[in-house]
Amino acid sequence: MPAIVVDSSVLIDHLRGVARATEFLERERRRGPVHVPALAAWELWKGATSARRRAGVHDLLSSVDVDPFAPAMAQLAGELHVRLRAIGRTPPSYDVLIASHALLRGLPLATRDRDYSAVPGLQVVTVD
């Protein structure tokens, strides 16, 4: 059963009613587990500024597997940051933290964000 890690860009688009993001999530949920890093869940919650938005975030996160951030992910993210900085590439820190989830689990990362292309070894699924 294939699994995938999904970052907040896809989830936010789904919550905003972008059909491509919703279709992607529905298809992936039928295929196998959809993992959402806890940091991506935090990004959703910080934007949930109304009761309607909070309900939408709750419903979405209830339908996926929210992964906690673990010490091994922190170590990998730190090492990735150092490697990327050494070659002059510095994606946003949260993207490196989220990428560490996918890398540690050996899963592709679904995103609408181009910052992940700098992360070595990360299989990126672009949701257009």
N, C-alpha and C. Protein backbone atom coordinates (compact mmCIF):
# COMPACT_ATOMS: atom_id res chain seq x y z
N MET A 1 0.84 -1.17 0.00
CA MET A 1 0.00 0.00 0.00
C MET A 1 0.90 1.25 0.00
N PRO A 2 0.95 2.02 -1.09
CA PRO A 2 1.82 3.19 -1.15
C PRO A 2 1.40 4.27 -0.15
N ALA A 3 2.39 4.91 0.41
CA ALA A 3 2.14 6.02 1.34
C ALA A 3 2.86 7.26 0.83
N ILE A 4 2.46 8.41 1.34
CA ILE A 4 3.05 9.67 0.92
C ILE A 4 3.01 10.65 2.07
N VAL A 5 3.98 11.57 2.10
CA VAL A 5 3.99 12.68 3.04
C VAL A 5 3.50 13.90 2.28
N VAL A 6 2.64 14.69 2.91
CA VAL A 6 2.07 15.87 2.25
C VAL A 6 2.41 17.11 3.07
N ASP A 7 2.90 18.13 2.37
CA ASP A 7 3.24 19.36 3.08
C ASP A 7 2.05 20.32 3.09
N SER A 8 2.22 21.41 3.82
CA SER A 8 1.11 22.33 4.05
C SER A 8 0.61 23.02 2.79
N SER A 9 1.45 23.21 1.78
CA SER A 9 0.99 23.91 0.57
C SER A 9 -0.18 23.19 -0.09
N VAL A 10 -0.12 21.87 -0.13
CA VAL A 10 -1.21 21.07 -0.71
C VAL A 10 -2.43 21.13 0.20
N LEU A 11 -2.20 21.01 1.50
CA LEU A 11 -3.31 21.00 2.45
C LEU A 11 -4.03 22.35 2.49
N ILE A 12 -3.28 23.43 2.44
CA ILE A 12 -3.89 24.77 2.44
C ILE A 12 -4.73 24.95 1.18
N ASP A 13 -4.19 24.52 0.03
CA ASP A 13 -4.98 24.64 -1.20
C ASP A 13 -6.26 23.82 -1.11
N HIS A 14 -6.18 22.64 -0.53
CA HIS A 14 -7.39 21.83 -0.35
C HIS A 14 -8.42 22.60 0.50
N LEU A 15 -7.95 23.18 1.61
CA LEU A 15 -8.85 23.92 2.48
C LEU A 15 -9.44 25.15 1.78
N ARG A 16 -8.73 25.69 0.82
CA ARG A 16 -9.21 26.85 0.07
C ARG A 16 -10.12 26.44 -1.09
N GLY A 17 -10.29 25.14 -1.28
CA GLY A 17 -11.19 24.67 -2.32
C GLY A 17 -10.56 24.51 -3.69
N VAL A 18 -9.22 24.42 -3.75
CA VAL A 18 -8.54 24.21 -5.04
C VAL A 18 -8.75 22.76 -5.45
N ALA A 19 -9.44 22.56 -6.56
CA ALA A 19 -9.85 21.22 -7.00
C ALA A 19 -8.67 20.28 -7.16
N ARG A 20 -7.57 20.74 -7.74
CA ARG A 20 -6.41 19.86 -7.96
C ARG A 20 -5.88 19.28 -6.65
N ALA A 21 -5.82 20.10 -5.62
CA ALA A 21 -5.33 19.64 -4.33
C ALA A 21 -6.30 18.65 -3.70
N THR A 22 -7.58 18.94 -3.78
CA THR A 22 -8.59 18.04 -3.22
C THR A 22 -8.59 16.70 -3.95
N GLU A 23 -8.55 16.72 -5.26
CA GLU A 23 -8.51 15.48 -6.06
C GLU A 23 -7.27 14.67 -5.72
N PHE A 24 -6.13 15.34 -5.58
CA PHE A 24 -4.89 14.65 -5.23
C PHE A 24 -5.03 13.96 -3.88
N LEU A 25 -5.50 14.69 -2.86
CA LEU A 25 -5.64 14.09 -1.53
C LEU A 25 -6.62 12.92 -1.53
N GLU A 26 -7.73 13.07 -2.21
CA GLU A 26 -8.71 11.97 -2.26
C GLU A 26 -8.10 10.74 -2.91
N ARG A 27 -7.38 10.93 -3.99
CA ARG A 27 -6.74 9.81 -4.70
C ARG A 27 -5.70 9.14 -3.80
N GLU A 28 -4.88 9.94 -3.14
CA GLU A 28 -3.84 9.38 -2.28
C GLU A 28 -4.41 8.66 -1.07
N ARG A 29 -5.50 9.16 -0.51
CA ARG A 29 -6.13 8.47 0.63
C ARG A 29 -6.67 7.11 0.23
N ARG A 30 -7.13 6.99 -1.03
CA ARG A 30 -7.60 5.68 -1.51
C ARG A 30 -6.43 4.72 -1.72
N ARG A 31 -5.26 5.26 -2.10
CA ARG A 31 -4.09 4.43 -2.40
C ARG A 31 -3.41 3.91 -1.15
N GLY A 32 -3.39 4.73 -0.09
CA GLY A 32 -2.66 4.32 1.12
C GLY A 32 -2.58 5.46 2.11
N PRO A 33 -1.77 5.28 3.14
CA PRO A 33 -1.68 6.30 4.18
C PRO A 33 -1.14 7.64 3.66
N VAL A 34 -1.74 8.70 4.14
CA VAL A 34 -1.29 10.07 3.87
C VAL A 34 -0.74 10.60 5.19
N HIS A 35 0.57 10.89 5.20
CA HIS A 35 1.23 11.38 6.40
C HIS A 35 1.39 12.89 6.33
N VAL A 36 1.05 13.56 7.41
CA VAL A 36 1.21 15.01 7.53
C VAL A 36 2.15 15.26 8.71
N PRO A 37 3.31 15.86 8.46
CA PRO A 37 4.19 16.19 9.58
C PRO A 37 3.50 17.13 10.56
N ALA A 38 3.76 16.95 11.83
CA ALA A 38 3.14 17.81 12.85
C ALA A 38 3.43 19.29 12.58
N LEU A 39 4.58 19.59 12.03
CA LEU A 39 4.90 20.99 11.71
C LEU A 39 3.98 21.54 10.63
N ALA A 40 3.60 20.71 9.67
CA ALA A 40 2.65 21.14 8.64
C ALA A 40 1.27 21.33 9.27
N ALA A 41 0.91 20.45 10.21
CA ALA A 41 -0.37 20.61 10.92
C ALA A 41 -0.38 21.93 11.69
N TRP A 42 0.75 22.27 12.30
CA TRP A 42 0.85 23.55 13.01
C TRP A 42 0.62 24.71 12.05
N GLU A 43 1.17 24.63 10.83
CA GLU A 43 0.96 25.70 9.86
C GLU A 43 -0.53 25.87 9.55
N LEU A 44 -1.27 24.76 9.51
CA LEU A 44 -2.71 24.85 9.27
C LEU A 44 -3.42 25.49 10.46
N TRP A 45 -3.07 25.04 11.67
CA TRP A 45 -3.74 25.56 12.86
C TRP A 45 -3.48 27.04 13.05
N LYS A 46 -2.29 27.53 12.72
CA LYS A 46 -2.02 28.95 12.94
C LYS A 46 -2.83 29.83 12.00
N GLY A 47 -3.31 29.26 10.90
CA GLY A 47 -4.15 30.01 9.98
C GLY A 47 -5.64 29.83 10.23
N ALA A 48 -5.98 29.00 11.21
CA ALA A 48 -7.39 28.71 11.51
C ALA A 48 -7.93 29.80 12.44
N THR A 49 -8.27 30.93 11.86
CA THR A 49 -8.63 32.12 12.65
C THR A 49 -10.14 32.28 12.88
N SER A 50 -10.92 31.32 12.44
CA SER A 50 -12.37 31.38 12.68
C SER A 50 -12.86 29.98 13.01
N ALA A 51 -14.06 29.91 13.53
CA ALA A 51 -14.64 28.60 13.87
C ALA A 51 -14.76 27.73 12.62
N ARG A 52 -15.13 28.33 11.51
CA ARG A 52 -15.26 27.57 10.26
C ARG A 52 -13.92 27.00 9.81
N ARG A 53 -12.88 27.83 9.89
CA ARG A 53 -11.55 27.36 9.50
C ARG A 53 -11.04 26.29 10.46
N ARG A 54 -11.26 26.47 11.75
CA ARG A 54 -10.83 25.46 12.73
C ARG A 54 -11.52 24.13 12.47
N ALA A 55 -12.81 24.17 12.13
CA ALA A 55 -13.54 22.94 11.81
C ALA A 55 -12.96 22.27 10.57
N GLY A 56 -12.62 23.07 9.57
CA GLY A 56 -12.03 22.52 8.34
C GLY A 56 -10.69 21.86 8.60
N VAL A 57 -9.85 22.52 9.40
CA VAL A 57 -8.54 21.94 9.74
C VAL A 57 -8.73 20.66 10.55
N HIS A 58 -9.63 20.70 11.51
CA HIS A 58 -9.90 19.50 12.33
C HIS A 58 -10.35 18.34 11.45
N ASP A 59 -11.30 18.58 10.56
CA ASP A 59 -11.81 17.51 9.69
C ASP A 59 -10.70 16.96 8.80
N LEU A 60 -9.89 17.85 8.22
CA LEU A 60 -8.81 17.40 7.35
C LEU A 60 -7.79 16.57 8.13
N LEU A 61 -7.33 17.07 9.25
CA LEU A 61 -6.31 16.36 10.00
C LEU A 61 -6.83 15.07 10.62
N SER A 62 -8.13 14.96 10.79
CA SER A 62 -8.72 13.72 11.28
C SER A 62 -8.73 12.63 10.21
N SER A 63 -8.54 13.03 8.95
CA SER A 63 -8.61 12.07 7.84
C SER A 63 -7.24 11.61 7.36
N VAL A 64 -6.17 12.06 8.03
CA VAL A 64 -4.80 11.70 7.65
C VAL A 64 -4.04 11.25 8.90
N ASP A 65 -2.81 10.77 8.70
CA ASP A 65 -1.95 10.40 9.82
C ASP A 65 -1.02 11.57 10.12
N VAL A 66 -1.20 12.21 11.26
CA VAL A 66 -0.33 13.32 11.64
C VAL A 66 0.87 12.72 12.38
N ASP A 67 2.06 12.94 11.81
CA ASP A 67 3.30 12.38 12.36
C ASP A 67 3.93 13.34 13.36
N PRO A 68 4.32 12.84 14.52
CA PRO A 68 5.03 13.70 15.47
C PRO A 68 6.45 13.98 14.96
N PHE A 69 7.03 15.04 15.45
CA PHE A 69 8.42 15.37 15.12
C PHE A 69 9.31 14.62 16.11
N ALA A 70 10.20 13.80 15.59
CA ALA A 70 11.03 12.93 16.43
C ALA A 70 12.48 13.40 16.46
N PRO A 71 13.24 12.99 17.47
CA PRO A 71 14.65 13.37 17.56
C PRO A 71 15.46 13.02 16.31
N ALA A 72 15.20 11.86 15.71
CA ALA A 72 15.95 11.48 14.49
C ALA A 72 15.66 12.45 13.35
N MET A 73 14.45 12.99 13.31
CA MET A 73 14.10 13.99 12.29
C MET A 73 14.84 15.29 12.55
N ALA A 74 14.96 15.66 13.82
CA ALA A 74 15.70 16.87 14.18
C ALA A 74 17.15 16.76 13.75
N GLN A 75 17.74 15.60 14.00
CA GLN A 75 19.14 15.40 13.62
C GLN A 75 19.29 15.47 12.10
N LEU A 76 18.44 14.76 11.38
CA LEU A 76 18.52 14.75 9.92
C LEU A 76 18.31 16.17 9.37
N ALA A 77 17.34 16.89 9.89
CA ALA A 77 17.08 18.25 9.42
C ALA A 77 18.28 19.16 9.69
N GLY A 78 18.89 19.01 10.83
CA GLY A 78 20.08 19.80 11.13
C GLY A 78 21.22 19.50 10.17
N GLU A 79 21.43 18.21 9.90
CA GLU A 79 22.48 17.82 8.96
C GLU A 79 22.18 18.33 7.55
N LEU A 80 20.92 18.25 7.14
CA LEU A 80 20.52 18.76 5.83
C LEU A 80 20.77 20.26 5.73
N HIS A 81 20.42 20.98 6.78
CA HIS A 81 20.62 22.43 6.78
C HIS A 81 22.10 22.77 6.57
N VAL A 82 22.98 22.08 7.28
CA VAL A 82 24.41 22.32 7.16
C VAL A 82 24.89 22.01 5.74
N ARG A 83 24.46 20.87 5.19
CA ARG A 83 24.86 20.49 3.82
C ARG A 83 24.37 21.49 2.79
N LEU A 84 23.12 21.91 2.91
CA LEU A 84 22.56 22.85 1.94
C LEU A 84 23.22 24.22 2.06
N ARG A 85 23.46 24.67 3.26
CA ARG A 85 24.11 25.96 3.45
C ARG A 85 25.52 25.95 2.85
N ALA A 86 26.21 24.81 2.97
CA ALA A 86 27.57 24.70 2.44
C ALA A 86 27.62 24.84 0.92
N ILE A 87 26.52 24.52 0.24
CA ILE A 87 26.50 24.65 -1.22
C ILE A 87 25.70 25.88 -1.67
N GLY A 88 25.42 26.75 -0.73
CA GLY A 88 24.74 28.01 -1.06
C GLY A 88 23.24 27.91 -1.27
N ARG A 89 22.65 26.83 -0.83
CA ARG A 89 21.19 26.65 -0.94
C ARG A 89 20.62 26.64 0.45
N THR A 90 19.71 27.53 0.71
CA THR A 90 19.11 27.56 2.05
C THR A 90 17.60 27.71 1.94
N PRO A 91 16.90 26.58 1.76
CA PRO A 91 15.44 26.65 1.78
C PRO A 91 14.96 27.05 3.17
N PRO A 92 13.72 27.50 3.27
CA PRO A 92 13.18 27.85 4.59
C PRO A 92 13.34 26.69 5.58
N SER A 93 13.64 27.02 6.82
CA SER A 93 13.88 26.01 7.84
C SER A 93 12.73 25.02 7.98
N TYR A 94 11.49 25.51 7.93
CA TYR A 94 10.36 24.60 8.07
C TYR A 94 10.31 23.59 6.94
N ASP A 95 10.73 23.99 5.75
CA ASP A 95 10.76 23.04 4.63
C ASP A 95 11.79 21.95 4.88
N VAL A 96 12.93 22.31 5.45
CA VAL A 96 13.95 21.30 5.77
C VAL A 96 13.42 20.36 6.85
N LEU A 97 12.73 20.90 7.84
CA LEU A 97 12.16 20.06 8.89
C LEU A 97 11.11 19.10 8.33
N ILE A 98 10.26 19.60 7.45
CA ILE A 98 9.23 18.76 6.84
C ILE A 98 9.86 17.72 5.91
N ALA A 99 10.86 18.12 5.14
CA ALA A 99 11.55 17.17 4.25
C ALA A 99 12.17 16.03 5.05
N SER A 100 12.64 16.32 6.26
CA SER A 100 13.25 15.26 7.08
C SER A 100 12.24 14.15 7.40
N HIS A 101 10.96 14.49 7.51
CA HIS A 101 9.94 13.46 7.74
C HIS A 101 9.91 12.49 6.57
N ALA A 102 9.83 13.03 5.37
CA ALA A 102 9.73 12.17 4.19
C ALA A 102 11.00 11.34 4.02
N LEU A 103 12.15 11.97 4.18
CA LEU A 103 13.41 11.26 4.01
C LEU A 103 13.56 10.14 5.03
N LEU A 104 13.26 10.42 6.27
CA LEU A 104 13.41 9.41 7.32
C LEU A 104 12.44 8.25 7.12
N ARG A 105 11.27 8.53 6.59
CA ARG A 105 10.28 7.47 6.34
C ARG A 105 10.49 6.79 4.98
N GLY A 106 11.38 7.37 4.15
CA GLY A 106 11.62 6.80 2.83
C GLY A 106 10.43 6.96 1.91
N LEU A 107 9.69 8.07 2.08
CA LEU A 107 8.48 8.31 1.31
C LEU A 107 8.62 9.57 0.46
N PRO A 108 7.86 9.63 -0.64
CA PRO A 108 7.85 10.87 -1.43
C PRO A 108 7.11 11.98 -0.67
N LEU A 109 7.43 13.21 -1.04
CA LEU A 109 6.79 14.38 -0.43
C LEU A 109 5.97 15.10 -1.49
N ALA A 110 4.67 15.23 -1.25
CA ALA A 110 3.78 15.96 -2.16
C ALA A 110 3.76 17.42 -1.75
N THR A 111 3.94 18.30 -2.73
CA THR A 111 4.02 19.72 -2.43
C THR A 111 3.64 20.56 -3.64
N ARG A 112 3.41 21.82 -3.40
CA ARG A 112 3.24 22.82 -4.46
C ARG A 112 4.38 23.83 -4.37
N ASP A 113 5.35 23.55 -3.50
CA ASP A 113 6.43 24.46 -3.15
C ASP A 113 7.73 24.01 -3.84
N ARG A 114 8.38 24.91 -4.53
CA ARG A 114 9.61 24.56 -5.25
C ARG A 114 10.85 24.52 -4.36
N ASP A 115 10.77 24.99 -3.13
CA ASP A 115 11.94 25.00 -2.24
C ASP A 115 12.50 23.60 -1.98
N TYR A 116 11.70 22.59 -2.10
CA TYR A 116 12.14 21.23 -1.79
C TYR A 116 13.09 20.67 -2.83
N SER A 117 13.16 21.27 -4.00
CA SER A 117 14.03 20.74 -5.06
C SER A 117 15.50 20.76 -4.65
N ALA A 118 15.87 21.56 -3.68
CA ALA A 118 17.26 21.64 -3.24
C ALA A 118 17.66 20.51 -2.30
N VAL A 119 16.70 19.75 -1.80
CA VAL A 119 16.99 18.73 -0.78
C VAL A 119 17.46 17.44 -1.46
N PRO A 120 18.72 17.06 -1.24
CA PRO A 120 19.24 15.85 -1.89
C PRO A 120 18.55 14.59 -1.41
N GLY A 121 18.23 13.72 -2.35
CA GLY A 121 17.63 12.43 -2.03
C GLY A 121 16.14 12.45 -1.80
N LEU A 122 15.54 13.63 -1.81
CA LEU A 122 14.09 13.73 -1.56
C LEU A 122 13.31 13.54 -2.86
N GLN A 123 12.40 12.59 -2.85
CA GLN A 123 11.53 12.37 -4.00
C GLN A 123 10.35 13.32 -3.85
N VAL A 124 10.23 14.26 -4.79
CA VAL A 124 9.19 15.29 -4.72
C VAL A 124 8.10 14.98 -5.73
N VAL A 125 6.87 15.01 -5.28
CA VAL A 125 5.69 14.89 -6.14
C VAL A 125 5.06 16.28 -6.18
N THR A 126 5.12 16.92 -7.35
CA THR A 126 4.58 18.27 -7.47
C THR A 126 3.09 18.17 -7.79
N VAL A 127 2.28 18.82 -6.99
CA VAL A 127 0.83 18.84 -7.19
C VAL A 127 0.51 20.15 -7.89
N ASP A 128 0.26 20.06 -9.19
CA ASP A 128 -0.03 21.25 -9.99
C ASP A 128 -1.50 21.57 -10.03
